[in-house]
Amino acid sequence: MKPLIARRPASPASVPGVACRKSVVARVAHMPDTEAHTPQPKTSANRAADMVSAGHAVAGGPDYSTVQRNLALELVRVTEAAALAAGRWFGKGDKNAADQAAVDMMRKVLNSVAMDGVVVIGEGEKDEAPMLYCGERIGDGSMFPKTDIAVDPLDGTSLTSQGRNGAISVIAVAERGALFDPGPCMYMEKLAVGPQVDPESVSLDYSVRHNIKWVARALDKPVSDVTVLMLDRPRHEDLIRQCREAGARIRLISDGDVAGAIEVAKAGGPVDMLLGIGGTPEGVIAACALKCMGGHIQGRLWPRNEKEREAAIARGYDLNKILLMDDLCKGDDVFFAATGVSDGDLLRGVRYHSGGASTNSIVMRCKSGTVRFVETYHKWTKPSLTNPEDVFESSEDLFHTAPRHTGNAYGPHYGGAPAGRGAGQRPPWAGV
């Protein structure tokens, strides 16, 4: 049996792991206080900022790291002003007066926008239209941006004068040289579809049955559920027959195919495709809107008579060529705005009320793909370019009576309440 030997207690340094822990403690004791520099858990905002600073796009939405000018948000004031002026003639039977009121106000507000614009699609040639004629320079005199402008101050003059639905005021702007100039051809064949439809699967050269079939396939619905929109015109009798034979539904409108083309591309819209012959200027404006929304449109010039045909050929237009989206509207620097004049599927019309009015608009930008619906409330007592002028100054509708004791000269009853909710407000038809 081995004798027991008394052992001395081991020093901490000789115990495995103890020396290591002591050295760690010693190093920690001599470290400076770096609490302020300790990395903190990053929030989503921190991570997004790092990605932006590193030059990476942030997924899940548009990049707002650099704020860019959205000209469409300025143009909506233009269409609002035109709609407010034209809406006063709603149902009064004078389409020329309604159109002129819209033109006057649109031009006035356009001249306040900081740009160097040239009207490509307007009210006609210079000798036919005193304002917003083709070639007119518009803007506040700024050197930039240089733009092409397409306007229809009142798309649906007859609709407005007859008190019908579907009239809008519309404007489209693109970089200089981007918009198609229709020249002498004021009408064109059109085919418009939404963003779900492959533009190469449909064509004006294909049969109506083929086009409807491929639209149905793209939208994953039977042909019998496809709705085709077209203008109600005698020239479309054969087209209507072909659509019915194919089994599609048809929706006829009396005017306003710009709004109709937009409806084709709107999610959950009431129509699936647009067919037929309509105005070339409206086709170019519709192309701007559809480009912003991801839709597609094709066109082919359609001279109304031999004189138009000869004039178009003399100016070098190919009357057999199918004009695609980029032929009608080049690039992606495109802005679009429209305001409802009368109620429609796309926009609500102008509402006049005590002391002001409200408007409903759509605003689009191609580069960012944003589509906004704007509800605006206008007060006549506040200074604004969009407030209508005294267009009824010489009208017999004004009350030609002595002013009330309130100091308002607009009539014995509608001059403005002395107290209460409508105190001091002027009637909507009294102007600014």
Protein backbone atom coordinates (compact mmCIF):
# COMPACT_ATOMS: atom_id res chain seq x y z
CA MET A 1 0.00 0.00 0.00
CA LYS A 2 1.41 3.32 -1.11
CA PRO A 3 1.85 5.95 1.56
CA LEU A 4 -0.41 9.01 1.33
CA ILE A 5 1.47 12.10 0.26
CA ALA A 6 0.15 15.47 1.27
CA ARG A 7 -0.28 17.73 -1.81
CA ARG A 8 -0.17 21.48 -1.85
CA PRO A 9 -3.30 23.15 -3.23
CA ALA A 10 -2.97 23.93 -6.93
CA SER A 11 -2.56 27.56 -7.85
CA PRO A 12 -5.25 29.08 -10.02
CA ALA A 13 -2.75 29.41 -12.79
CA SER A 14 -2.20 25.69 -12.89
CA VAL A 15 -5.91 24.84 -13.12
CA PRO A 16 -6.93 24.37 -16.79
CA GLY A 17 -9.07 27.26 -18.08
CA VAL A 18 -8.55 29.47 -15.07
CA ALA A 19 -5.52 31.22 -16.49
CA CYS A 20 -7.42 31.79 -19.72
CA ARG A 21 -10.37 33.30 -17.87
CA LYS A 22 -8.05 35.52 -15.82
CA SER A 23 -6.33 36.81 -18.92
CA VAL A 24 -9.68 37.55 -20.52
CA VAL A 25 -10.83 39.39 -17.40
CA ALA A 26 -7.59 41.32 -17.36
CA ARG A 27 -7.95 42.33 -20.98
CA VAL A 28 -11.55 43.36 -20.46
CA ALA A 29 -10.55 45.39 -17.40
CA HIS A 30 -8.03 47.32 -19.44
CA MET A 31 -10.34 47.92 -22.43
CA PRO A 32 -11.68 51.45 -22.89
CA ASP A 33 -15.38 52.14 -22.47
CA THR A 34 -16.76 51.57 -25.99
CA GLU A 35 -20.45 51.36 -25.18
CA ALA A 36 -21.16 54.31 -27.45
CA HIS A 37 -19.50 52.48 -30.33
CA THR A 38 -21.11 49.10 -29.78
CA PRO A 39 -23.07 48.13 -32.93
CA GLN A 40 -26.80 48.25 -32.28
CA PRO A 41 -29.40 46.03 -33.96
CA LYS A 42 -30.39 47.67 -37.26
CA THR A 43 -33.96 48.64 -37.95
CA SER A 44 -35.53 48.25 -41.39
CA ALA A 45 -35.03 51.97 -41.93
CA ASN A 46 -31.29 51.62 -41.16
CA ARG A 47 -30.94 48.71 -43.56
CA ALA A 48 -32.83 50.57 -46.31
CA ALA A 49 -30.61 53.61 -45.83
CA ASP A 50 -27.48 51.41 -46.09
CA MET A 51 -28.79 49.85 -49.29
CA VAL A 52 -29.55 53.25 -50.81
CA SER A 53 -26.10 54.58 -49.85
CA ALA A 54 -24.52 51.49 -51.42
CA GLY A 55 -26.41 52.13 -54.65
CA HIS A 56 -28.83 49.22 -54.36
CA ALA A 57 -32.54 49.61 -55.12
CA VAL A 58 -34.86 48.90 -52.21
CA ALA A 59 -37.32 46.18 -53.11
CA GLY A 60 -41.02 46.56 -52.43
CA GLY A 61 -41.74 50.01 -53.82
CA PRO A 62 -40.47 53.01 -55.77
CA ASP A 63 -37.11 54.51 -54.88
CA TYR A 64 -37.68 57.80 -53.10
CA SER A 65 -34.03 58.28 -52.12
CA THR A 66 -33.84 61.02 -54.73
CA VAL A 67 -36.95 63.14 -55.05
CA GLN A 68 -37.70 63.81 -58.71
CA ARG A 69 -40.14 66.30 -60.13
CA ASN A 70 -43.46 64.71 -61.04
CA LEU A 71 -44.82 67.08 -63.65
CA ALA A 72 -48.17 65.28 -63.63
CA LEU A 73 -48.90 66.62 -60.14
CA GLU A 74 -48.65 70.12 -61.58
CA LEU A 75 -50.62 69.24 -64.71
CA VAL A 76 -53.60 68.06 -62.69
CA ARG A 77 -54.25 71.70 -61.76
CA VAL A 78 -54.54 72.36 -65.50
CA THR A 79 -57.24 69.74 -66.05
CA GLU A 80 -59.02 70.73 -62.84
CA ALA A 81 -59.30 74.33 -64.03
CA ALA A 82 -60.59 73.27 -67.45
CA ALA A 83 -63.12 70.89 -65.91
CA LEU A 84 -64.42 73.51 -63.48
CA ALA A 85 -64.96 75.95 -66.36
CA ALA A 86 -66.53 73.41 -68.73
CA GLY A 87 -68.75 71.91 -66.05
CA ARG A 88 -70.73 75.14 -65.79
CA TRP A 89 -72.09 74.43 -69.29
CA PHE A 90 -73.23 70.92 -68.42
CA GLY A 91 -76.63 70.21 -70.00
CA LYS A 92 -77.03 73.72 -71.44
CA GLY A 93 -76.95 72.64 -75.07
CA ASP A 94 -73.97 74.75 -76.19
CA LYS A 95 -70.99 72.49 -76.85
CA ASN A 96 -68.92 75.29 -78.40
CA ALA A 97 -69.25 77.45 -75.30
CA ALA A 98 -68.32 74.50 -73.08
CA ASP A 99 -65.25 73.73 -75.19
CA GLN A 100 -64.15 77.38 -75.31
CA ALA A 101 -64.45 77.74 -71.55
CA ALA A 102 -62.25 74.68 -71.07
CA VAL A 103 -59.68 75.89 -73.62
CA ASP A 104 -59.39 79.34 -72.05
CA MET A 105 -58.80 78.04 -68.55
CA MET A 106 -56.46 75.26 -69.63
CA ARG A 107 -54.23 77.68 -71.51
CA LYS A 108 -54.20 80.15 -68.62
CA VAL A 109 -53.03 77.57 -66.09
CA LEU A 110 -50.61 75.88 -68.52
CA ASN A 111 -48.75 79.14 -68.87
CA SER A 112 -47.98 79.04 -65.14
CA VAL A 113 -46.19 75.65 -65.36
CA ALA A 114 -42.39 75.80 -65.38
CA MET A 115 -41.56 74.20 -68.73
CA ASP A 116 -40.86 74.93 -72.40
CA GLY A 117 -43.73 73.13 -74.09
CA VAL A 118 -44.90 72.83 -77.68
CA VAL A 119 -48.46 71.76 -78.48
CA VAL A 120 -48.36 68.72 -80.77
CA ILE A 121 -51.96 67.58 -80.26
CA GLY A 122 -54.26 70.54 -79.77
CA GLU A 123 -57.38 72.31 -80.94
CA GLY A 124 -56.32 72.42 -84.59
CA GLU A 125 -54.03 74.40 -86.85
CA LYS A 126 -53.13 77.98 -86.02
CA ASP A 127 -55.64 79.44 -88.46
CA GLU A 128 -58.41 77.22 -87.01
CA ALA A 129 -57.87 77.72 -83.27
CA PRO A 130 -56.88 80.95 -81.49
CA MET A 131 -55.57 79.03 -78.44
CA LEU A 132 -53.78 75.71 -77.90
CA TYR A 133 -53.22 75.34 -81.62
CA CYS A 134 -50.65 72.87 -82.93
CA GLY A 135 -47.19 74.41 -82.69
CA GLU A 136 -48.07 76.92 -79.95
CA ARG A 137 -45.40 77.32 -77.26
CA ILE A 138 -46.74 76.87 -73.76
CA GLY A 139 -45.23 77.35 -70.30
CA ASP A 140 -43.87 80.11 -68.09
CA GLY A 141 -40.81 80.71 -70.28
CA SER A 142 -38.48 78.30 -68.49
CA MET A 143 -35.73 76.74 -70.59
CA PHE A 144 -36.35 73.27 -69.17
CA PRO A 145 -37.89 70.80 -69.40
CA LYS A 146 -38.49 70.87 -73.15
CA THR A 147 -41.69 68.96 -73.76
CA ASP A 148 -44.33 67.90 -76.27
CA ILE A 149 -47.89 68.54 -75.13
CA ALA A 150 -51.09 66.76 -76.14
CA VAL A 151 -54.32 68.32 -74.88
CA ASP A 152 -58.02 67.77 -75.12
CA PRO A 153 -59.53 70.43 -72.86
CA LEU A 154 -62.93 68.78 -73.18
CA ASP A 155 -63.10 65.22 -74.44
CA GLY A 156 -66.84 64.88 -74.84
CA THR A 157 -68.16 68.29 -75.87
CA SER A 158 -71.48 66.79 -76.96
CA LEU A 159 -71.70 64.75 -73.77
CA THR A 160 -71.29 67.92 -71.72
CA SER A 161 -73.76 70.01 -73.67
CA GLN A 162 -76.38 67.25 -73.59
CA GLY A 163 -75.91 66.53 -69.88
CA ARG A 164 -74.57 63.03 -70.45
CA ASN A 165 -71.93 60.99 -68.62
CA GLY A 166 -68.30 60.41 -69.59
CA ALA A 167 -66.81 63.85 -70.35
CA ILE A 168 -63.27 64.56 -69.11
CA SER A 169 -60.54 67.17 -69.45
CA VAL A 170 -57.19 65.60 -70.32
CA ILE A 171 -53.52 66.44 -70.92
CA ALA A 172 -50.39 64.40 -71.66
CA VAL A 173 -46.80 65.61 -71.66
CA ALA A 174 -43.64 63.87 -72.89
CA GLU A 175 -40.09 64.84 -73.75
CA ARG A 176 -39.56 66.87 -76.92
CA GLY A 177 -40.06 64.83 -80.09
CA ALA A 178 -41.72 61.89 -78.30
CA LEU A 179 -45.34 62.30 -79.41
CA PHE A 180 -46.67 61.26 -82.81
CA ASP A 181 -47.82 64.09 -85.07
CA PRO A 182 -50.95 62.91 -86.91
CA GLY A 183 -50.66 65.57 -89.60
CA PRO A 184 -53.74 65.71 -91.82
CA CYS A 185 -55.13 62.32 -90.68
CA MET A 186 -57.63 63.02 -87.94
CA TYR A 187 -58.90 59.43 -87.64
CA MET A 188 -57.26 56.07 -87.06
CA GLU A 189 -58.14 52.42 -86.48
CA LYS A 190 -57.47 51.45 -82.85
CA LEU A 191 -56.92 48.33 -80.80
CA ALA A 192 -56.20 48.71 -77.08
CA VAL A 193 -55.66 46.02 -74.44
CA GLY A 194 -54.63 45.88 -70.81
CA PRO A 195 -51.26 44.95 -69.27
CA GLN A 196 -52.16 41.23 -68.95
CA VAL A 197 -52.35 40.79 -72.73
CA ASP A 198 -49.18 40.15 -74.73
CA PRO A 199 -49.16 42.93 -77.36
CA GLU A 200 -47.69 40.52 -79.94
CA SER A 201 -50.67 38.18 -79.63
CA VAL A 202 -53.11 40.75 -81.04
CA SER A 203 -52.94 42.96 -84.11
CA LEU A 204 -55.02 45.11 -86.41
CA ASP A 205 -53.93 42.71 -89.16
CA TYR A 206 -55.53 39.75 -87.37
CA SER A 207 -59.19 38.87 -87.47
CA VAL A 208 -61.56 40.17 -84.79
CA ARG A 209 -62.25 36.58 -83.70
CA HIS A 210 -58.51 35.90 -83.24
CA ASN A 211 -57.96 39.05 -81.17
CA ILE A 212 -60.93 38.37 -78.90
CA LYS A 213 -59.81 34.75 -78.42
CA TRP A 214 -56.32 35.77 -77.32
CA VAL A 215 -57.61 38.46 -74.99
CA ALA A 216 -59.88 35.86 -73.39
CA ARG A 217 -56.94 33.49 -73.00
CA ALA A 218 -54.74 36.18 -71.41
CA LEU A 219 -57.48 37.19 -68.97
CA ASP A 220 -58.33 33.56 -68.18
CA LYS A 221 -62.01 33.93 -69.00
CA PRO A 222 -64.34 32.51 -71.65
CA VAL A 223 -64.86 34.46 -74.86
CA SER A 224 -68.48 34.99 -73.89
CA ASP A 225 -67.29 37.09 -70.90
CA VAL A 226 -64.97 39.36 -72.90
CA THR A 227 -66.35 42.92 -73.28
CA VAL A 228 -65.34 44.99 -76.31
CA LEU A 229 -65.67 48.77 -76.19
CA MET A 230 -66.24 50.86 -79.31
CA LEU A 231 -67.83 54.11 -80.44
CA ASP A 232 -71.45 53.88 -81.53
CA ARG A 233 -71.01 54.85 -85.19
CA PRO A 234 -72.51 53.55 -88.46
CA ARG A 235 -68.98 52.76 -89.70
CA HIS A 236 -68.71 50.08 -87.00
CA GLU A 237 -71.67 47.97 -88.14
CA ASP A 238 -69.47 45.24 -89.62
CA LEU A 239 -67.14 45.31 -86.60
CA ILE A 240 -70.09 44.89 -84.25
CA ARG A 241 -71.31 41.95 -86.32
CA GLN A 242 -67.89 40.24 -86.14
CA CYS A 243 -67.69 40.70 -82.36
CA ARG A 244 -71.12 39.17 -81.89
CA GLU A 245 -70.30 36.26 -84.16
CA ALA A 246 -67.17 35.64 -82.09
CA GLY A 247 -69.38 35.50 -78.99
CA ALA A 248 -68.07 38.61 -77.18
CA ARG A 249 -70.06 41.21 -75.31
CA ILE A 250 -70.15 44.76 -76.71
CA ARG A 251 -70.31 48.10 -74.98
CA LEU A 252 -71.11 51.11 -77.17
CA ILE A 253 -70.31 54.68 -76.18
CA SER A 254 -71.35 57.86 -77.94
CA ASP A 255 -68.10 59.78 -77.29
CA GLY A 256 -65.03 59.82 -75.08
CA ASP A 257 -62.77 56.96 -76.17
CA VAL A 258 -59.78 58.32 -74.20
CA ALA A 259 -61.49 57.40 -70.95
CA GLY A 260 -62.59 54.14 -72.58
CA ALA A 261 -59.01 53.20 -73.44
CA ILE A 262 -57.94 53.85 -69.85
CA GLU A 263 -60.76 51.63 -68.60
CA VAL A 264 -59.24 48.75 -70.58
CA ALA A 265 -56.03 48.90 -68.50
CA LYS A 266 -57.63 49.68 -65.14
CA ALA A 267 -57.68 46.75 -62.72
CA GLY A 268 -61.24 45.50 -62.39
CA GLY A 269 -62.45 47.76 -65.20
CA PRO A 270 -65.74 47.10 -67.01
CA VAL A 271 -64.19 46.47 -70.46
CA ASP A 272 -61.42 44.21 -71.76
CA MET A 273 -60.43 45.68 -75.12
CA LEU A 274 -61.12 48.67 -77.35
CA LEU A 275 -61.70 48.36 -81.09
CA GLY A 276 -62.80 50.67 -83.86
CA ILE A 277 -62.09 53.92 -85.63
CA GLY A 278 -61.73 57.09 -83.59
CA GLY A 279 -59.80 60.34 -83.44
CA THR A 280 -56.03 60.19 -83.98
CA PRO A 281 -55.33 62.93 -81.38
CA GLU A 282 -57.32 60.95 -78.83
CA GLY A 283 -55.33 57.86 -79.81
CA VAL A 284 -52.02 59.58 -79.06
CA ILE A 285 -53.31 60.82 -75.70
CA ALA A 286 -54.63 57.34 -74.88
CA ALA A 287 -51.20 55.89 -75.75
CA CYS A 288 -49.60 58.14 -73.13
CA ALA A 289 -52.05 56.97 -70.48
CA LEU A 290 -51.74 53.30 -71.40
CA LYS A 291 -47.96 53.51 -71.36
CA CYS A 292 -48.11 54.77 -67.78
CA MET A 293 -50.46 51.91 -66.84
CA GLY A 294 -48.63 49.13 -68.68
CA GLY A 295 -51.33 48.67 -71.32
CA HIS A 296 -50.91 48.60 -75.09
CA ILE A 297 -52.48 50.30 -78.09
CA GLN A 298 -52.09 49.96 -81.84
CA GLY A 299 -53.24 52.36 -84.50
CA ARG A 300 -53.42 52.72 -88.27
CA LEU A 301 -54.20 56.00 -89.99
CA TRP A 302 -57.64 56.11 -91.59
CA PRO A 303 -58.14 58.99 -94.05
CA ARG A 304 -61.76 60.04 -94.27
CA ASN A 305 -61.62 60.98 -97.93
CA GLU A 306 -59.34 61.14 -100.96
CA LYS A 307 -58.18 64.64 -100.07
CA GLU A 308 -56.90 63.50 -96.67
CA ARG A 309 -55.29 60.45 -98.26
CA GLU A 310 -53.38 62.51 -100.81
CA ALA A 311 -52.30 65.04 -98.19
CA ALA A 312 -51.01 62.27 -95.91
CA ILE A 313 -49.09 60.53 -98.70
CA ALA A 314 -47.62 63.87 -99.80
CA ARG A 315 -46.26 64.38 -96.26
CA GLY A 316 -44.70 60.94 -96.19
CA TYR A 317 -47.16 59.02 -94.00
CA ASP A 318 -47.42 55.26 -94.56
CA LEU A 319 -51.15 54.54 -94.42
CA ASN A 320 -50.62 50.77 -94.20
CA LYS A 321 -48.23 50.85 -91.25
CA ILE A 322 -49.44 49.71 -87.84
CA LEU A 323 -48.37 52.30 -85.28
CA LEU A 324 -47.28 50.62 -82.05
CA MET A 325 -46.93 52.11 -78.60
CA ASP A 326 -43.45 53.53 -79.17
CA ASP A 327 -44.53 55.01 -82.51
CA LEU A 328 -47.29 56.98 -80.80
CA CYS A 329 -45.38 57.83 -77.62
CA LYS A 330 -41.62 57.31 -77.34
CA GLY A 331 -39.61 56.86 -74.16
CA ASP A 332 -40.77 56.61 -70.56
CA ASP A 333 -40.60 60.27 -69.55
CA VAL A 334 -44.37 60.59 -69.92
CA PHE A 335 -46.93 62.32 -67.68
CA PHE A 336 -50.71 62.18 -67.84
CA ALA A 337 -53.56 63.88 -66.00
CA ALA A 338 -57.34 63.89 -66.45
CA THR A 339 -60.24 65.38 -64.49
CA GLY A 340 -63.87 64.37 -64.73
CA VAL A 341 -66.34 66.92 -66.08
CA SER A 342 -69.40 64.69 -65.91
CA ASP A 343 -69.81 61.39 -64.09
CA GLY A 344 -68.30 58.32 -65.72
CA ASP A 345 -66.88 54.89 -64.97
CA LEU A 346 -63.36 56.30 -64.76
CA LEU A 347 -63.91 59.58 -62.88
CA ARG A 348 -66.65 61.41 -61.02
CA GLY A 349 -67.76 64.69 -62.51
CA VAL A 350 -67.49 68.19 -61.02
CA ARG A 351 -69.66 68.86 -57.98
CA TYR A 352 -70.61 72.50 -57.31
CA HIS A 353 -71.66 73.44 -53.81
CA SER A 354 -72.00 76.48 -51.61
CA GLY A 355 -68.77 78.44 -51.80
CA GLY A 356 -66.83 76.08 -54.03
CA ALA A 357 -66.64 72.79 -55.90
CA SER A 358 -64.94 69.40 -55.84
CA THR A 359 -63.16 67.54 -58.63
CA ASN A 360 -61.99 63.97 -59.16
CA SER A 361 -58.81 63.34 -61.18
CA ILE A 362 -56.35 60.65 -62.22
CA VAL A 363 -52.61 61.41 -62.35
CA MET A 364 -49.99 59.09 -63.89
CA ARG A 365 -46.27 58.96 -64.46
CA CYS A 366 -44.68 56.37 -66.74
CA LYS A 367 -41.15 56.30 -65.30
CA SER A 368 -42.30 55.37 -61.79
CA GLY A 369 -45.50 53.59 -62.85
CA THR A 370 -47.52 55.47 -60.24
CA VAL A 371 -51.25 56.00 -60.77
CA ARG A 372 -52.96 58.38 -58.35
CA PHE A 373 -56.59 59.32 -57.90
CA VAL A 374 -56.91 62.86 -56.58
CA GLU A 375 -59.95 64.38 -54.86
CA THR A 376 -59.70 68.18 -54.70
CA TYR A 377 -61.89 70.71 -52.92
CA HIS A 378 -61.88 74.24 -54.34
CA LYS A 379 -62.99 77.36 -52.42
CA TRP A 380 -64.02 80.40 -54.40
CA THR A 381 -62.99 82.75 -51.59
CA LYS A 382 -59.36 81.57 -51.78
CA PRO A 383 -57.04 82.88 -54.51
CA SER A 384 -56.24 80.08 -56.95
CA LEU A 385 -55.45 79.66 -60.62
CA THR A 386 -57.88 76.76 -60.81
CA ASN A 387 -60.84 78.88 -59.74
CA PRO A 388 -63.00 79.73 -62.76
CA GLU A 389 -63.26 83.20 -64.22
CA ASP A 390 -66.42 85.34 -64.26
CA VAL A 391 -67.67 83.56 -67.37
CA PHE A 392 -71.23 84.59 -66.66
CA GLU A 393 -70.59 88.31 -66.37
CA SER A 394 -72.83 89.10 -69.31
CA SER A 395 -75.26 86.23 -68.73
CA GLU A 396 -78.93 86.87 -68.16
CA ASP A 397 -78.78 84.30 -65.36
CA LEU A 398 -77.10 86.78 -63.01
CA PHE A 399 -79.32 88.68 -60.60
CA HIS A 400 -79.30 92.36 -61.58
CA THR A 401 -80.62 93.70 -58.32
CA ALA A 402 -79.35 96.07 -55.69
CA PRO A 403 -76.73 94.67 -53.32
CA ARG A 404 -77.79 93.46 -49.91
CA HIS A 405 -76.72 95.09 -46.71
CA THR A 406 -73.99 92.46 -46.50
CA GLY A 407 -72.17 94.30 -49.30
CA ASN A 408 -72.46 91.40 -51.75
CA ALA A 409 -73.77 92.32 -55.19
CA TYR A 410 -74.60 88.83 -56.42
CA GLY A 411 -78.30 88.76 -55.74
CA PRO A 412 -81.12 89.26 -53.26
CA HIS A 413 -81.07 85.71 -51.93
CA TYR A 414 -77.84 84.01 -52.98
CA GLY A 415 -75.46 86.77 -52.00
CA GLY A 416 -74.08 84.85 -49.04
CA ALA A 417 -75.47 84.19 -45.60
CA PRO A 418 -74.69 86.88 -42.99
CA ALA A 419 -74.00 84.16 -40.39
CA GLY A 420 -73.81 80.42 -40.02
CA ARG A 421 -72.24 77.69 -42.12
CA GLY A 422 -72.25 79.57 -45.43
CA ALA A 423 -71.40 82.99 -44.05
CA GLY A 424 -69.57 85.21 -46.52
CA GLN A 425 -69.39 82.60 -49.25
CA ARG A 426 -70.12 83.45 -52.86
CA PRO A 427 -72.34 81.30 -55.05
CA PRO A 428 -70.50 78.79 -57.27
CA TRP A 429 -71.74 80.44 -60.48
CA ALA A 430 -70.56 83.90 -59.44
CA GLY A 431 -66.92 83.31 -60.41
CA VAL A 432 -63.87 84.37 -58.46
